[in-house]
């Protein structure tokens, strides 16, 4: 019997990835191994029980077969977030192996199964397949940086963005924020800065960076592997 026969909620491609994400004990590395073996998250769930039991062992196979108690709530939260994009912005869920997922990230031994993305809407017909990932350079550092360190970081970020690089950082206090602000001062029209968030896409941390988050969404991109509300 196909494992997928035990499920009834995977109406969107990302819901299969969410099911794997929420399975206790499965983990990203084992999920990646299954992905390589079966070709997609959907195919993993549709695989015959015997194949999955052989690949995972009885304990993990049983865990994958049992619907996570928070699956329905997680789906509802994600769907609400997708519908809540402000005018001019796009909320997108990317799944490993699906359209728009960053090719370089997929090469990791433990890539996230899901990515939640906030950016400016290119045009009314745009979808995940239109998502371009420009070459990036990371600027990260101390949260308690010196004024000189902050100034140098802003200068570097501005010059890198002007040269066509997307400045990547973590939206934290200190060097991270300086990197984002420096890139945002660029006159470049491409994605000038990308924030990798440590929370769900609907939250702001630190709270003082609400304006920074809004500016990055308009001229860059916000990404996170954490579900809305986390």
C-alpha atoms as a PDB file:
ATOM      1  CA  UNK A   1       0.000   0.000   0.000  1.00  0.00           C
ATOM      2  CA  UNK A   2       1.320   3.451  -0.856  1.00  0.00           C
ATOM      3  CA  UNK A   3       2.034   5.617   2.150  1.00  0.00           C
ATOM      4  CA  UNK A   4       0.230   8.522   0.484  1.00  0.00           C
ATOM      5  CA  UNK A   5      -3.011   6.592   0.829  1.00  0.00           C
ATOM      6  CA  UNK A   6      -2.864   7.368   4.545  1.00  0.00           C
ATOM      7  CA  UNK A   7      -2.853  11.124   3.929  1.00  0.00           C
ATOM      8  CA  UNK A   8      -5.559  13.428   2.683  1.00  0.00           C
ATOM      9  CA  UNK A   9      -4.284  16.988   2.972  1.00  0.00           C
ATOM     10  CA  UNK A  10      -1.499  17.418   0.408  1.00  0.00           C
ATOM     11  CA  UNK A  11      -3.338  19.747  -1.983  1.00  0.00           C
ATOM     12  CA  UNK A  12      -0.289  21.990  -2.505  1.00  0.00           C
ATOM     13  CA  UNK A  13       3.198  20.674  -3.346  1.00  0.00           C
ATOM     14  CA  UNK A  14       4.721  22.283  -0.242  1.00  0.00           C
ATOM     15  CA  UNK A  15       2.381  20.334   2.026  1.00  0.00           C
ATOM     16  CA  UNK A  16       4.278  17.120   1.334  1.00  0.00           C
ATOM     17  CA  UNK A  17       7.520  18.831   2.389  1.00  0.00           C
ATOM     18  CA  UNK A  18       5.757  20.161   5.483  1.00  0.00           C
ATOM     19  CA  UNK A  19       4.671  16.624   6.411  1.00  0.00           C
ATOM     20  CA  UNK A  20       8.286  15.481   6.323  1.00  0.00           C
ATOM     21  CA  UNK A  21       9.420  18.601   8.203  1.00  0.00           C
ATOM     22  CA  UNK A  22       7.013  17.881  11.055  1.00  0.00           C
ATOM     23  CA  UNK A  23       7.805  14.155  11.371  1.00  0.00           C
ATOM     24  CA  UNK A  24       9.604  13.644  14.719  1.00  0.00           C
ATOM     25  CA  UNK A  25      13.106  12.207  14.425  1.00  0.00           C
ATOM     26  CA  UNK A  26      13.334  12.364  10.641  1.00  0.00           C
ATOM     27  CA  UNK A  27      15.698  15.339  10.392  1.00  0.00           C
ATOM     28  CA  UNK A  28      17.076  17.188   7.391  1.00  0.00           C
ATOM     29  CA  UNK A  29      19.908  14.805   6.506  1.00  0.00           C
ATOM     30  CA  UNK A  30      17.659  11.753   6.439  1.00  0.00           C
ATOM     31  CA  UNK A  31      15.025  13.718   4.537  1.00  0.00           C
ATOM     32  CA  UNK A  32      17.681  14.665   1.975  1.00  0.00           C
ATOM     33  CA  UNK A  33      18.672  11.000   1.603  1.00  0.00           C
ATOM     34  CA  UNK A  34      15.035  10.073   0.991  1.00  0.00           C
ATOM     35  CA  UNK A  35      14.709  12.966  -1.449  1.00  0.00           C
ATOM     36  CA  UNK A  36      17.706  11.708  -3.419  1.00  0.00           C
ATOM     37  CA  UNK A  37      16.290   8.179  -3.459  1.00  0.00           C
ATOM     38  CA  UNK A  38      12.695   8.996  -4.425  1.00  0.00           C
ATOM     39  CA  UNK A  39      13.061  12.265  -6.350  1.00  0.00           C
ATOM     40  CA  UNK A  40      10.634  14.530  -4.490  1.00  0.00           C
ATOM     41  CA  UNK A  41       8.850  14.989  -1.166  1.00  0.00           C
ATOM     42  CA  UNK A  42       5.584  13.920  -2.791  1.00  0.00           C
ATOM     43  CA  UNK A  43       7.151  10.729  -4.144  1.00  0.00           C
ATOM     44  CA  UNK A  44       8.489   9.901  -0.683  1.00  0.00           C
ATOM     45  CA  UNK A  45       4.974   9.977   0.749  1.00  0.00           C
ATOM     46  CA  UNK A  46       3.608   7.991  -2.187  1.00  0.00           C
ATOM     47  CA  UNK A  47       6.283   5.277  -1.943  1.00  0.00           C
ATOM     48  CA  UNK A  48       5.210   1.729  -1.007  1.00  0.00           C
ATOM     49  CA  UNK A  49       5.286   1.021   2.696  1.00  0.00           C
ATOM     50  CA  UNK A  50       7.817  -1.782   2.268  1.00  0.00           C
ATOM     51  CA  UNK A  51      10.345   0.513   0.577  1.00  0.00           C
ATOM     52  CA  UNK A  52      10.006   3.184   3.260  1.00  0.00           C
ATOM     53  CA  UNK A  53      10.277   0.638   6.059  1.00  0.00           C
ATOM     54  CA  UNK A  54      13.476  -0.718   4.533  1.00  0.00           C
ATOM     55  CA  UNK A  55      14.880   2.794   4.118  1.00  0.00           C
ATOM     56  CA  UNK A  56      13.943   4.122   7.551  1.00  0.00           C
ATOM     57  CA  UNK A  57      13.455   1.206   9.889  1.00  0.00           C
ATOM     58  CA  UNK A  58      10.220   0.432  11.696  1.00  0.00           C
ATOM     59  CA  UNK A  59      10.370   3.276  14.249  1.00  0.00           C
ATOM     60  CA  UNK A  60      10.861   6.139  11.783  1.00  0.00           C
ATOM     61  CA  UNK A  61       8.559   4.531   9.230  1.00  0.00           C
ATOM     62  CA  UNK A  62       5.823   4.457  11.870  1.00  0.00           C
ATOM     63  CA  UNK A  63       6.525   8.094  12.757  1.00  0.00           C
ATOM     64  CA  UNK A  64       6.263   9.124   9.102  1.00  0.00           C
ATOM     65  CA  UNK A  65       3.058   7.156   8.650  1.00  0.00           C
ATOM     66  CA  UNK A  66       1.375   8.785  11.669  1.00  0.00           C
ATOM     67  CA  UNK A  67      -0.006  12.227  10.815  1.00  0.00           C
ATOM     68  CA  UNK A  68       1.707  14.868  12.967  1.00  0.00           C
ATOM     69  CA  UNK A  69      -0.806  16.361  15.419  1.00  0.00           C
ATOM     70  CA  UNK A  70       0.175  19.911  14.386  1.00  0.00           C
ATOM     71  CA  UNK A  71      -0.054  19.312  10.613  1.00  0.00           C
ATOM     72  CA  UNK A  72      -3.495  20.861  10.071  1.00  0.00           C
ATOM     73  CA  UNK A  73      -2.664  23.883  12.247  1.00  0.00           C
ATOM     74  CA  UNK A  74       0.645  24.415  10.439  1.00  0.00           C
ATOM     75  CA  UNK A  75      -1.064  24.246   7.038  1.00  0.00           C
ATOM     76  CA  UNK A  76      -3.646  26.803   8.163  1.00  0.00           C
ATOM     77  CA  UNK A  77      -0.959  29.163   9.481  1.00  0.00           C
ATOM     78  CA  UNK A  78       1.021  28.959   6.245  1.00  0.00           C
ATOM     79  CA  UNK A  79      -2.060  29.494   4.094  1.00  0.00           C
ATOM     80  CA  UNK A  80      -3.020  32.524   6.194  1.00  0.00           C
ATOM     81  CA  UNK A  81       0.495  33.937   5.796  1.00  0.00           C
ATOM     82  CA  UNK A  82       0.400  33.394   2.023  1.00  0.00           C
ATOM     83  CA  UNK A  83      -2.863  35.346   1.800  1.00  0.00           C
ATOM     84  CA  UNK A  84      -1.632  38.162   4.044  1.00  0.00           C
ATOM     85  CA  UNK A  85       1.015  39.684   1.762  1.00  0.00           C
ATOM     86  CA  UNK A  86       0.778  43.504   1.781  1.00  0.00           C
ATOM     87  CA  UNK A  87       0.121  45.303  -1.474  1.00  0.00           C
ATOM     88  CA  UNK A  88       3.238  45.205  -3.638  1.00  0.00           C
ATOM     89  CA  UNK A  89       4.866  42.303  -1.783  1.00  0.00           C
ATOM     90  CA  UNK A  90       4.937  38.587  -2.471  1.00  0.00           C
ATOM     91  CA  UNK A  91       4.752  35.772   0.095  1.00  0.00           C
ATOM     92  CA  UNK A  92       6.063  32.495  -1.308  1.00  0.00           C
ATOM     93  CA  UNK A  93       6.674  28.975  -0.013  1.00  0.00           C
ATOM     94  CA  UNK A  94       9.460  27.107  -1.794  1.00  0.00           C
ATOM     95  CA  UNK A  95       9.999  23.379  -1.408  1.00  0.00           C
ATOM     96  CA  UNK A  96      13.185  21.417  -1.968  1.00  0.00           C
ATOM     97  CA  UNK A  97      13.266  20.361  -5.605  1.00  0.00           C
ATOM     98  CA  UNK A  98      10.465  22.731  -6.573  1.00  0.00           C
ATOM     99  CA  UNK A  99      10.410  25.861  -8.760  1.00  0.00           C
ATOM    100  CA  UNK A 100      12.416  28.792  -7.456  1.00  0.00           C
ATOM    101  CA  UNK A 101      14.339  26.864  -4.781  1.00  0.00           C
ATOM    102  CA  UNK A 102      17.961  28.149  -4.704  1.00  0.00           C
ATOM    103  CA  UNK A 103      20.125  25.682  -6.630  1.00  0.00           C
ATOM    104  CA  UNK A 104      23.203  26.284  -4.459  1.00  0.00           C
ATOM    105  CA  UNK A 105      21.251  25.655  -1.259  1.00  0.00           C
ATOM    106  CA  UNK A 106      19.986  22.322  -2.614  1.00  0.00           C
ATOM    107  CA  UNK A 107      23.612  21.105  -2.795  1.00  0.00           C
ATOM    108  CA  UNK A 108      23.978  21.130   0.995  1.00  0.00           C
ATOM    109  CA  UNK A 109      23.891  17.759   2.804  1.00  0.00           C
ATOM    110  CA  UNK A 110      20.970  19.062   4.897  1.00  0.00           C
ATOM    111  CA  UNK A 111      19.048  21.698   2.891  1.00  0.00           C
ATOM    112  CA  UNK A 112      15.797  23.031   4.371  1.00  0.00           C
ATOM    113  CA  UNK A 113      12.736  21.229   3.050  1.00  0.00           C
ATOM    114  CA  UNK A 114      10.810  24.514   3.040  1.00  0.00           C
ATOM    115  CA  UNK A 115      11.748  28.153   2.552  1.00  0.00           C
ATOM    116  CA  UNK A 116       9.428  31.059   3.299  1.00  0.00           C
ATOM    117  CA  UNK A 117      10.241  34.105   1.177  1.00  0.00           C
ATOM    118  CA  UNK A 118       9.132  37.742   1.277  1.00  0.00           C
ATOM    119  CA  UNK A 119      10.044  40.108  -1.543  1.00  0.00           C
ATOM    120  CA  UNK A 120       8.604  42.713  -3.887  1.00  0.00           C
ATOM    121  CA  UNK A 121       6.107  41.443  -6.442  1.00  0.00           C
ATOM    122  CA  UNK A 122       7.737  41.784  -9.883  1.00  0.00           C
ATOM    123  CA  UNK A 123       4.391  41.818 -11.700  1.00  0.00           C
ATOM    124  CA  UNK A 124       0.849  40.475 -11.074  1.00  0.00           C
ATOM    125  CA  UNK A 125       1.528  37.221 -12.929  1.00  0.00           C
ATOM    126  CA  UNK A 126       4.831  36.391 -11.224  1.00  0.00           C
ATOM    127  CA  UNK A 127       5.210  33.090  -9.404  1.00  0.00           C
ATOM    128  CA  UNK A 128       7.958  31.105  -7.697  1.00  0.00           C
ATOM    129  CA  UNK A 129       9.402  29.997 -11.030  1.00  0.00           C
ATOM    130  CA  UNK A 130      10.276  33.646 -11.764  1.00  0.00           C
ATOM    131  CA  UNK A 131      12.396  33.961  -8.610  1.00  0.00           C
ATOM    132  CA  UNK A 132      15.954  34.962  -9.448  1.00  0.00           C
ATOM    133  CA  UNK A 133      18.763  34.428  -6.934  1.00  0.00           C
ATOM    134  CA  UNK A 134      21.580  36.910  -7.630  1.00  0.00           C
ATOM    135  CA  UNK A 135      25.201  36.253  -6.634  1.00  0.00           C
ATOM    136  CA  UNK A 136      25.563  37.005  -2.950  1.00  0.00           C
ATOM    137  CA  UNK A 137      28.255  37.861  -0.433  1.00  0.00           C
ATOM    138  CA  UNK A 138      27.755  37.491   3.322  1.00  0.00           C
ATOM    139  CA  UNK A 139      28.648  40.236   5.789  1.00  0.00           C
ATOM    140  CA  UNK A 140      28.130  39.165   9.403  1.00  0.00           C
ATOM    141  CA  UNK A 141      29.697  40.081  12.705  1.00  0.00           C
ATOM    142  CA  UNK A 142      29.389  41.288  16.262  1.00  0.00           C
ATOM    143  CA  UNK A 143      26.131  42.590  17.682  1.00  0.00           C
ATOM    144  CA  UNK A 144      28.184  44.980  19.817  1.00  0.00           C
ATOM    145  CA  UNK A 145      30.307  46.394  17.022  1.00  0.00           C
ATOM    146  CA  UNK A 146      32.318  49.595  17.382  1.00  0.00           C
ATOM    147  CA  UNK A 147      31.217  52.747  15.520  1.00  0.00           C
ATOM    148  CA  UNK A 148      34.201  52.287  13.197  1.00  0.00           C
ATOM    149  CA  UNK A 149      33.206  48.704  12.466  1.00  0.00           C
ATOM    150  CA  UNK A 150      29.636  49.785  11.690  1.00  0.00           C
ATOM    151  CA  UNK A 151      30.849  52.559   9.389  1.00  0.00           C
ATOM    152  CA  UNK A 152      33.225  50.285   7.485  1.00  0.00           C
ATOM    153  CA  UNK A 153      30.518  47.652   7.106  1.00  0.00           C
ATOM    154  CA  UNK A 154      28.041  50.157   5.669  1.00  0.00           C
ATOM    155  CA  UNK A 155      30.674  51.354   3.190  1.00  0.00           C
ATOM    156  CA  UNK A 156      31.589  47.837   2.098  1.00  0.00           C
ATOM    157  CA  UNK A 157      27.938  46.795   1.755  1.00  0.00           C
ATOM    158  CA  UNK A 158      27.112  49.889  -0.281  1.00  0.00           C
ATOM    159  CA  UNK A 159      30.026  49.316  -2.654  1.00  0.00           C
ATOM    160  CA  UNK A 160      29.267  45.610  -3.023  1.00  0.00           C
ATOM    161  CA  UNK A 161      25.622  46.318  -3.852  1.00  0.00           C
ATOM    162  CA  UNK A 162      26.651  48.982  -6.362  1.00  0.00           C
ATOM    163  CA  UNK A 163      28.888  46.361  -8.000  1.00  0.00           C
ATOM    164  CA  UNK A 164      25.962  43.961  -8.428  1.00  0.00           C
ATOM    165  CA  UNK A 165      26.325  41.755  -5.369  1.00  0.00           C
ATOM    166  CA  UNK A 166      23.430  40.895  -3.067  1.00  0.00           C
ATOM    167  CA  UNK A 167      24.606  41.499   0.509  1.00  0.00           C
ATOM    168  CA  UNK A 168      23.491  38.635   2.752  1.00  0.00           C
ATOM    169  CA  UNK A 169      23.212  38.944   6.537  1.00  0.00           C
ATOM    170  CA  UNK A 170      21.040  38.004   9.495  1.00  0.00           C
ATOM    171  CA  UNK A 171      19.160  41.235  10.413  1.00  0.00           C
ATOM    172  CA  UNK A 172      20.641  41.204  13.934  1.00  0.00           C
ATOM    173  CA  UNK A 173      21.900  44.248  15.830  1.00  0.00           C
ATOM    174  CA  UNK A 174      25.369  45.528  14.999  1.00  0.00           C
ATOM    175  CA  UNK A 175      27.254  44.453  11.887  1.00  0.00           C
ATOM    176  CA  UNK A 176      24.276  42.614  10.356  1.00  0.00           C
ATOM    177  CA  UNK A 177      22.040  45.673  10.435  1.00  0.00           C
ATOM    178  CA  UNK A 178      24.854  47.902   9.158  1.00  0.00           C
ATOM    179  CA  UNK A 179      25.375  45.552   6.203  1.00  0.00           C
ATOM    180  CA  UNK A 180      21.696  45.665   5.266  1.00  0.00           C
ATOM    181  CA  UNK A 181      21.434  49.441   5.639  1.00  0.00           C
ATOM    182  CA  UNK A 182      24.589  50.007   3.614  1.00  0.00           C
ATOM    183  CA  UNK A 183      23.284  47.864   0.758  1.00  0.00           C
ATOM    184  CA  UNK A 184      19.920  49.630   0.869  1.00  0.00           C
ATOM    185  CA  UNK A 185      21.676  52.937   0.193  1.00  0.00           C
ATOM    186  CA  UNK A 186      22.774  51.564  -3.170  1.00  0.00           C
ATOM    187  CA  UNK A 187      21.181  52.848  -6.378  1.00  0.00           C
ATOM    188  CA  UNK A 188      21.213  49.350  -7.904  1.00  0.00           C
ATOM    189  CA  UNK A 189      17.853  48.083  -9.120  1.00  0.00           C
ATOM    190  CA  UNK A 190      18.454  44.378  -8.445  1.00  0.00           C
ATOM    191  CA  UNK A 191      17.997  42.515  -5.142  1.00  0.00           C
ATOM    192  CA  UNK A 192      20.532  44.496  -3.086  1.00  0.00           C
ATOM    193  CA  UNK A 193      20.315  42.627   0.220  1.00  0.00           C
ATOM    194  CA  UNK A 194      18.960  39.376   1.606  1.00  0.00           C
ATOM    195  CA  UNK A 195      18.113  38.723   5.262  1.00  0.00           C
ATOM    196  CA  UNK A 196      18.218  35.180   6.604  1.00  0.00           C
ATOM    197  CA  UNK A 197      15.762  35.290   9.492  1.00  0.00           C
ATOM    198  CA  UNK A 198      15.909  33.299  12.719  1.00  0.00           C
ATOM    199  CA  UNK A 199      12.135  33.473  13.196  1.00  0.00           C
ATOM    200  CA  UNK A 200       9.029  32.795  11.161  1.00  0.00           C
ATOM    201  CA  UNK A 201       8.502  35.136   8.188  1.00  0.00           C
ATOM    202  CA  UNK A 202       5.664  36.999   9.903  1.00  0.00           C
ATOM    203  CA  UNK A 203       7.744  38.105  12.909  1.00  0.00           C
ATOM    204  CA  UNK A 204      10.440  40.730  13.469  1.00  0.00           C
ATOM    205  CA  UNK A 205      13.520  40.064  15.591  1.00  0.00           C
ATOM    206  CA  UNK A 206      14.899  42.154  17.061  1.00  0.00           C
ATOM    207  CA  UNK A 207      11.632  44.158  17.286  1.00  0.00           C
ATOM    208  CA  UNK A 208      13.552  47.411  16.729  1.00  0.00           C
ATOM    209  CA  UNK A 209      14.263  46.289  13.161  1.00  0.00           C
ATOM    210  CA  UNK A 210      10.666  46.476  11.908  1.00  0.00           C
ATOM    211  CA  UNK A 211      11.525  49.316   9.523  1.00  0.00           C
ATOM    212  CA  UNK A 212      14.651  47.498   8.349  1.00  0.00           C
ATOM    213  CA  UNK A 213      12.613  44.396   7.592  1.00  0.00           C
ATOM    214  CA  UNK A 214      10.092  46.437   5.611  1.00  0.00           C
ATOM    215  CA  UNK A 215      12.833  48.117   3.579  1.00  0.00           C
ATOM    216  CA  UNK A 216      14.540  44.789   2.832  1.00  0.00           C
ATOM    217  CA  UNK A 217      11.240  43.329   1.622  1.00  0.00           C
ATOM    218  CA  UNK A 218      10.818  46.227  -0.799  1.00  0.00           C
ATOM    219  CA  UNK A 219      14.331  46.261  -2.268  1.00  0.00           C
ATOM    220  CA  UNK A 220      15.732  42.841  -1.387  1.00  0.00           C
ATOM    221  CA  UNK A 221      14.464  39.579   0.030  1.00  0.00           C
ATOM    222  CA  UNK A 222      13.723  37.939   3.385  1.00  0.00           C
ATOM    223  CA  UNK A 223      14.032  34.168   3.750  1.00  0.00           C
ATOM    224  CA  UNK A 224      13.591  31.715   6.604  1.00  0.00           C
ATOM    225  CA  UNK A 225      13.185  27.987   7.103  1.00  0.00           C
ATOM    226  CA  UNK A 226      10.980  28.598  10.167  1.00  0.00           C
ATOM    227  CA  UNK A 227       7.195  28.351   9.953  1.00  0.00           C
ATOM    228  CA  UNK A 228       4.969  31.405  10.448  1.00  0.00           C
ATOM    229  CA  UNK A 229       4.549  32.152  14.143  1.00  0.00           C
ATOM    230  CA  UNK A 230       7.833  30.536  15.222  1.00  0.00           C
END
